[in-house]
Amino acid sequence: MQEGPGIGTPDRVKAALEELAGLGWVRQAAPNRAGMGGRSRDDWTVNPAVVGGAHAVG
C-alpha cells in the first residue's frame, strides 16, 4: 500500500473495518463472485445512519 497518512497495511485495514463493524458503522457485504475467477474481494457497506441516510438519528 502507499505510504502516507492513513492505514498502511492490509492487516491494519482489516482490523479497522472489524472494529467499525463491531460498533455498527459498517458491515461486510455478501460476496458476489458468480462466474468470476481470481482472488475474492472484501466489500463493505456503510451504515446509512452514519452518513445521514433515511434512518439517521438526531
Foldseek 3Di string as FASTA:
>chain_A
DDDDDDDDDPVSVVVVVVVCVVVVQKDWDDWDQVPHDDDGDTDMDGDLLVVVHPPHDD
